[in-house]
Every structure is written in C-alpha cells, then in structure tokens.
Amino acid sequence: MFLAMAAMGTVFGAVQTAVTVYARTIGEPGAAGLVYAEFGIGSALAGAACAWLPRRFGLRARYVTFAAALFAGMLVLSAGARLVPLPVAVPVASLTVAPYMITLYALTERLAPPDRATTAMTVLCAGGPLGAAVGQAVSGALAGPYGTEGALLTALTAAAGALLLALAAGAGPRQV
C-alpha cells in the first residue's frame, strides 16, 4: 500500500509541475494555482461520490478498477494536453484521484492488524509526500527539455506503476 500511495504522490507532484510549466509557457504563471485547483475540486467531488458506491463493489475490485481509472485519467491528461488546453483536460483526469486514494486507505485499514492500524496508516500517509517529491524532481527534469508533455509523462508512468501494483495484488491471495 505504501508503494501505491507513493505512486499517487508521484502523480500529484508531476501534475503540479506540469501545470506550473504549462502556465509559464502560456505567459500566465499565476494561472497555475487555478488549474491545479481544478485538479483538487474534481478529485474532491469524485471522492464524495464514493459514498454511494454499492457495498457489493468490494475493495479488491475497487482497487484494480480505480487504479485502471487513474491510469486512464493520466492518459487523458497526457494525450489531452496535446489536443486541448491543459485546463480542459485536468478536470477529467482529476475525477480518478480520490477514488483510488480512498480505496488505498480502506485497504490499509482492512489489511492491518487492529493493534497496528495507526502505524499502517502512518506508513501509508508517508508514501504521498515521498512520491510527490519524486514526481516533482523527475517531472521537473523532464520539463526542461520536453515541456509540459515531459512532466506529464512522469504522471502517466506513475499511474502505470499504480495499475501494475493493483493487478499484482488482485492476482494474489484473497485477503479482502
């Protein structure tokens, strides 16, 4: 779960860097905050919608489904940035974030022994900022020579890693 959250953090860091590069490229550096806010708002709305997911849609299925959705969202963002202005692609991609993260928290809570749940959640939470730092560093290095598309490649790669982790976990023994 730590690696899955680190992948999510990498997505955050890379998208933040890509949005900043995009805003600077169009000559509106102040727009970065507004575009990144779209990412947060879309994610929050999708997270709230998770409250209505049917109970029969179990955690294991959610994990694989939402990891695939995260990958699809970053694919839309990466490809969309070439076809439409980034502020149009960001809200679509943002809808894939919170469902994935919520599932990680729920799985961690379910998998951790009750007397270790706090420790497990702490370790899970540490993955986000660590991944964000990696995402910012790698996407920043790619943004220099390749611009926004280079930064978004980092987000897409991290989402692919998240999907591979989910598929591997989905093929493993049934614990949840």
Protein backbone atom coordinates (compact mmCIF):
# COMPACT_ATOMS: atom_id res chain seq x y z
CA MET A 1 0.00 0.00 0.00
CA PHE A 2 2.94 2.31 0.69
CA LEU A 3 4.19 1.91 -2.89
CA ALA A 4 0.69 2.50 -4.22
CA MET A 5 0.43 5.74 -2.24
CA ALA A 6 3.93 6.74 -3.36
CA ALA A 7 2.74 6.29 -6.95
CA MET A 8 -0.23 8.54 -6.17
CA GLY A 9 2.10 11.13 -4.67
CA THR A 10 4.25 10.96 -7.78
CA VAL A 11 1.16 11.70 -9.86
CA PHE A 12 0.42 14.73 -7.65
CA GLY A 13 3.97 16.06 -7.89
CA ALA A 14 4.17 15.55 -11.64
CA VAL A 15 0.79 17.14 -12.33
CA GLN A 16 1.69 20.10 -10.14
CA THR A 17 4.93 20.56 -12.05
CA ALA A 18 3.21 20.14 -15.43
CA VAL A 19 0.57 22.71 -14.55
CA THR A 20 3.26 25.17 -13.45
CA VAL A 21 5.23 24.65 -16.66
CA TYR A 22 2.06 24.99 -18.74
CA ALA A 23 1.08 28.26 -17.04
CA ARG A 24 4.54 29.69 -17.56
CA THR A 25 4.54 28.55 -21.21
CA ILE A 26 1.31 30.40 -21.97
CA GLY A 27 2.66 33.50 -20.25
CA GLU A 28 0.25 33.31 -17.30
CA PRO A 29 2.26 31.91 -14.36
CA GLY A 30 -0.48 32.93 -11.93
CA ALA A 31 -2.93 30.60 -13.68
CA ALA A 32 -1.11 27.54 -12.30
CA GLY A 33 -2.93 27.78 -8.99
CA LEU A 34 -6.33 27.93 -10.66
CA VAL A 35 -5.63 24.97 -12.93
CA TYR A 36 -4.26 22.90 -10.06
CA ALA A 37 -7.35 23.88 -8.04
CA GLU A 38 -9.41 22.21 -10.77
CA PHE A 39 -7.49 19.05 -10.03
CA GLY A 40 -8.38 19.27 -6.34
CA ILE A 41 -12.03 20.15 -6.89
CA GLY A 42 -12.62 17.31 -9.34
CA SER A 43 -10.91 14.87 -7.03
CA ALA A 44 -12.98 16.03 -4.05
CA LEU A 45 -16.25 15.65 -5.98
CA ALA A 46 -15.29 12.14 -7.09
CA GLY A 47 -14.32 11.30 -3.52
CA ALA A 48 -17.69 12.42 -2.22
CA ALA A 49 -19.40 10.30 -4.87
CA CYS A 50 -17.62 7.23 -3.48
CA ALA A 51 -20.08 7.30 -0.59
CA TRP A 52 -22.71 5.98 -3.00
CA LEU A 53 -20.72 3.03 -4.29
CA PRO A 54 -22.60 -0.23 -3.68
CA ARG A 55 -21.28 -2.44 -0.91
CA ARG A 56 -21.07 -5.37 -3.33
CA PHE A 57 -18.34 -3.44 -5.21
CA GLY A 58 -15.66 -4.80 -2.90
CA LEU A 59 -12.29 -3.32 -2.03
CA ARG A 60 -10.30 -5.69 -4.21
CA ALA A 61 -12.41 -4.81 -7.27
CA ARG A 62 -12.27 -1.11 -6.38
CA TYR A 63 -8.50 -1.22 -6.10
CA VAL A 64 -7.99 -2.64 -9.57
CA THR A 65 -10.81 -0.58 -11.10
CA PHE A 66 -9.68 2.72 -9.63
CA ALA A 67 -6.01 2.06 -10.43
CA ALA A 68 -7.08 1.46 -14.04
CA ALA A 69 -9.15 4.65 -13.90
CA LEU A 70 -6.16 6.58 -12.54
CA PHE A 71 -4.05 5.32 -15.43
CA ALA A 72 -6.81 6.23 -17.92
CA GLY A 73 -7.12 9.67 -16.33
CA MET A 74 -3.41 10.34 -16.66
CA LEU A 75 -3.52 9.04 -20.22
CA VAL A 76 -6.34 11.51 -20.95
CA LEU A 77 -4.31 14.26 -19.30
CA SER A 78 -1.13 13.40 -21.17
CA ALA A 79 -2.82 13.00 -24.56
CA GLY A 80 -5.29 15.77 -23.86
CA ALA A 81 -2.53 18.27 -23.22
CA ARG A 82 -1.53 17.84 -26.86
CA LEU A 83 -5.09 18.21 -28.17
CA VAL A 84 -6.78 20.76 -25.90
CA PRO A 85 -5.59 23.35 -23.40
CA LEU A 86 -4.47 21.72 -20.16
CA PRO A 87 -7.25 23.39 -18.13
CA VAL A 88 -9.78 21.37 -20.17
CA ALA A 89 -8.04 18.01 -19.60
CA VAL A 90 -7.25 18.49 -15.89
CA PRO A 91 -10.84 18.27 -14.57
CA VAL A 92 -11.43 14.99 -16.41
CA ALA A 93 -8.23 13.46 -15.06
CA SER A 94 -8.93 14.72 -11.55
CA LEU A 95 -12.02 12.54 -11.21
CA THR A 96 -9.79 9.46 -10.97
CA VAL A 97 -7.71 10.55 -7.99
CA ALA A 98 -9.83 10.39 -4.83
CA PRO A 99 -11.50 7.03 -5.53
CA TYR A 100 -8.05 5.47 -5.83
CA MET A 101 -6.77 7.12 -2.64
CA ILE A 102 -9.90 6.28 -0.64
CA THR A 103 -9.51 2.66 -1.66
CA LEU A 104 -5.88 2.65 -0.51
CA TYR A 105 -6.92 3.91 2.93
CA ALA A 106 -9.74 1.38 3.18
CA LEU A 107 -7.49 -1.49 2.13
CA THR A 108 -4.78 -0.49 4.56
CA GLU A 109 -7.30 -0.32 7.38
CA ARG A 110 -8.65 -3.76 6.42
CA LEU A 111 -5.25 -5.41 5.99
CA ALA A 112 -3.55 -4.03 9.10
CA PRO A 113 -3.90 -5.90 12.39
CA PRO A 114 -6.10 -3.78 14.69
CA ASP A 115 -3.23 -3.04 17.07
CA ARG A 116 -1.06 -1.85 14.16
CA ALA A 117 -3.65 0.18 12.22
CA THR A 118 -2.24 3.53 13.34
CA THR A 119 1.26 2.53 12.29
CA ALA A 120 -0.01 1.20 8.97
CA MET A 121 -1.89 4.45 8.25
CA THR A 122 1.19 6.48 9.17
CA VAL A 123 3.35 4.48 6.77
CA LEU A 124 0.69 4.80 4.07
CA CYS A 125 0.48 8.56 4.54
CA ALA A 126 4.27 8.88 4.28
CA GLY A 127 4.14 7.49 0.77
CA GLY A 128 2.26 10.51 -0.56
CA PRO A 129 4.78 13.25 0.20
CA LEU A 130 7.69 10.99 -0.70
CA GLY A 131 6.10 10.25 -4.05
CA ALA A 132 5.28 13.93 -4.59
CA ALA A 133 8.93 14.82 -4.09
CA VAL A 134 9.98 12.17 -6.60
CA GLY A 135 7.30 13.30 -9.02
CA GLN A 136 8.37 16.92 -8.80
CA ALA A 137 12.04 16.08 -9.24
CA VAL A 138 11.61 13.73 -12.18
CA SER A 139 8.95 15.77 -13.95
CA GLY A 140 10.99 18.93 -13.42
CA ALA A 141 13.98 17.29 -15.04
CA LEU A 142 11.84 16.17 -17.98
CA ALA A 143 10.04 19.51 -18.26
CA GLY A 144 13.31 21.28 -19.07
CA PRO A 145 13.89 19.59 -22.42
CA TYR A 146 10.32 18.36 -23.15
CA GLY A 147 8.00 20.94 -21.58
CA THR A 148 4.59 20.11 -20.20
CA GLU A 149 4.45 16.80 -22.07
CA GLY A 150 7.66 15.66 -20.40
CA ALA A 151 6.29 16.46 -16.97
CA LEU A 152 3.03 14.64 -17.74
CA LEU A 153 4.96 11.56 -18.84
CA THR A 154 6.03 11.20 -15.20
CA ALA A 155 2.39 11.21 -14.05
CA LEU A 156 1.46 8.65 -16.69
CA THR A 157 4.37 6.40 -15.75
CA ALA A 158 3.50 6.59 -12.04
CA ALA A 159 -0.14 5.75 -12.80
CA ALA A 160 1.01 2.77 -14.87
CA GLY A 161 3.05 1.62 -11.87
CA ALA A 162 -0.02 2.02 -9.65
CA LEU A 163 -2.03 -0.13 -12.04
CA LEU A 164 0.66 -2.82 -12.13
CA LEU A 165 0.70 -2.91 -8.31
CA ALA A 166 -3.09 -3.25 -8.22
CA LEU A 167 -3.09 -6.01 -10.83
CA ALA A 168 -0.40 -7.89 -8.90
CA ALA A 169 -2.37 -7.52 -5.68
CA GLY A 170 -5.58 -8.54 -7.46
CA ALA A 171 -3.92 -11.75 -8.61
CA GLY A 172 -2.67 -12.54 -5.10
CA PRO A 173 -4.36 -14.45 -2.28
CA ARG A 174 -7.79 -13.19 -1.25
CA GLN A 175 -7.45 -11.25 1.99
CA VAL A 176 -10.06 -8.54 1.36
